[in-house]
């Protein structure tokens, strides 16, 4: 029952649902998710940690970036079932629809680039 509760709690936050919906489109790094959602980096990272602990997302290191994607569902049958359904749910919600339209335009090079002031 603990696994079920963990998955359900992870899905009880609108930002985490948005993250999962974005990840159904393609792998994204934290800064791409941050740009799409308009949230602070620590907030996005916290949400990703909760989703990962629930078996809903997986991460993959790619050079300097950590890419996130929906989990394959092997760690939890509850996560697998809900991820399969979530692909089809909420697509007609105006807020989700607008967010999903942003995903193809999230350019890692642009949103993750540091300004000269930060590099100093």
Protein backbone atom coordinates (compact mmCIF):
# COMPACT_ATOMS: atom_id res chain seq x y z
CA UNK A 1 0.00 0.00 0.00
CA UNK A 2 2.97 2.35 0.62
CA UNK A 3 3.89 2.36 -3.08
CA UNK A 4 0.32 3.21 -4.07
CA UNK A 5 0.15 6.11 -1.61
CA UNK A 6 3.56 7.43 -2.76
CA UNK A 7 2.41 7.48 -6.40
CA UNK A 8 -0.91 9.10 -5.56
CA UNK A 9 0.73 11.78 -3.41
CA UNK A 10 3.23 12.53 -6.17
CA UNK A 11 0.33 13.07 -8.57
CA UNK A 12 -1.57 15.31 -6.15
CA UNK A 13 0.28 18.48 -7.16
CA UNK A 14 -0.64 20.40 -10.35
CA UNK A 15 3.01 21.28 -11.08
CA UNK A 16 4.01 17.62 -10.98
CA UNK A 17 1.17 16.73 -13.35
CA UNK A 18 2.41 19.46 -15.71
CA UNK A 19 5.95 18.12 -15.53
CA UNK A 20 4.79 14.63 -16.40
CA UNK A 21 2.68 15.92 -19.28
CA UNK A 22 5.68 17.86 -20.64
CA UNK A 23 7.87 14.79 -20.37
CA UNK A 24 5.41 12.76 -22.45
CA UNK A 25 6.48 14.98 -25.37
CA UNK A 26 10.25 14.55 -24.96
CA UNK A 27 13.10 14.33 -22.48
CA UNK A 28 13.77 17.63 -20.77
CA UNK A 29 16.37 18.99 -18.38
CA UNK A 30 15.57 21.01 -15.27
CA UNK A 31 16.18 24.38 -16.94
CA UNK A 32 13.85 23.49 -19.84
CA UNK A 33 11.14 22.45 -17.37
CA UNK A 34 11.80 25.62 -15.38
CA UNK A 35 11.39 27.78 -18.48
CA UNK A 36 8.20 26.03 -19.54
CA UNK A 37 6.58 26.18 -16.11
CA UNK A 38 7.89 29.54 -14.93
CA UNK A 39 9.04 28.04 -11.64
CA UNK A 40 12.32 28.43 -9.75
CA UNK A 41 15.01 25.79 -10.29
CA UNK A 42 14.89 24.49 -6.68
CA UNK A 43 11.12 24.06 -6.95
CA UNK A 44 11.38 22.08 -10.19
CA UNK A 45 14.16 19.94 -8.72
CA UNK A 46 12.05 19.20 -5.64
CA UNK A 47 9.09 18.14 -7.80
CA UNK A 48 11.34 15.92 -9.91
CA UNK A 49 12.75 14.26 -6.79
CA UNK A 50 9.23 13.44 -5.58
CA UNK A 51 8.26 12.07 -9.01
CA UNK A 52 11.44 10.01 -9.16
CA UNK A 53 10.91 8.59 -5.65
CA UNK A 54 7.42 7.53 -6.71
CA UNK A 55 8.77 5.73 -9.77
CA UNK A 56 7.14 8.15 -12.21
CA UNK A 57 10.26 9.68 -13.81
CA UNK A 58 13.77 8.52 -14.62
CA UNK A 59 16.87 10.58 -15.19
CA UNK A 60 19.75 10.12 -17.61
CA UNK A 61 23.01 12.04 -17.56
CA UNK A 62 24.01 13.62 -20.89
CA UNK A 63 27.22 15.62 -20.59
CA UNK A 64 26.48 18.52 -18.27
CA UNK A 65 22.75 17.91 -18.29
CA UNK A 66 20.49 15.55 -16.44
CA UNK A 67 17.59 14.60 -18.70
CA UNK A 68 14.25 13.48 -17.32
CA UNK A 69 11.65 11.25 -18.96
CA UNK A 70 8.63 9.24 -17.81
CA UNK A 71 9.68 6.02 -16.10
CA UNK A 72 9.27 2.73 -17.89
CA UNK A 73 6.99 1.50 -15.08
CA UNK A 74 9.11 -1.44 -13.96
CA UNK A 75 9.56 -0.13 -10.43
CA UNK A 76 5.85 0.22 -9.68
CA UNK A 77 2.72 -1.22 -11.29
CA UNK A 78 0.78 1.78 -9.95
CA UNK A 79 3.16 4.23 -11.63
CA UNK A 80 3.02 2.24 -14.88
CA UNK A 81 -0.77 2.25 -14.96
CA UNK A 82 -1.08 5.93 -14.18
CA UNK A 83 1.64 6.96 -16.64
CA UNK A 84 -0.12 5.01 -19.38
CA UNK A 85 -3.40 6.75 -18.64
CA UNK A 86 -1.89 10.19 -18.09
CA UNK A 87 -0.72 10.26 -21.72
CA UNK A 88 -4.38 10.56 -22.70
CA UNK A 89 -5.75 12.56 -19.80
CA UNK A 90 -5.98 16.37 -19.61
CA UNK A 91 -4.88 17.00 -23.21
CA UNK A 92 -8.00 19.13 -23.73
CA UNK A 93 -7.38 21.19 -20.58
CA UNK A 94 -6.54 24.73 -21.78
CA UNK A 95 -3.61 25.18 -19.39
CA UNK A 96 -2.09 21.79 -20.27
CA UNK A 97 -2.71 22.34 -23.98
CA UNK A 98 -0.89 25.70 -23.89
CA UNK A 99 1.99 24.17 -21.92
CA UNK A 100 2.38 21.30 -24.38
CA UNK A 101 2.57 23.78 -27.25
CA UNK A 102 5.63 25.34 -25.54
CA UNK A 103 7.59 22.07 -25.29
CA UNK A 104 8.85 21.90 -28.90
CA UNK A 105 10.17 25.47 -28.59
CA UNK A 106 12.14 24.89 -25.41
CA UNK A 107 15.67 25.18 -26.71
CA UNK A 108 18.21 23.96 -24.19
CA UNK A 109 20.96 26.10 -25.63
CA UNK A 110 18.87 29.22 -25.15
CA UNK A 111 17.23 28.55 -21.79
CA UNK A 112 20.23 26.94 -20.11
CA UNK A 113 22.82 29.43 -21.34
CA UNK A 114 24.37 31.49 -18.60
CA UNK A 115 24.54 35.21 -19.05
CA UNK A 116 28.00 36.86 -18.86
CA UNK A 117 27.11 38.34 -15.45
CA UNK A 118 26.45 34.89 -13.99
CA UNK A 119 29.68 33.42 -15.39
CA UNK A 120 31.85 35.94 -13.54
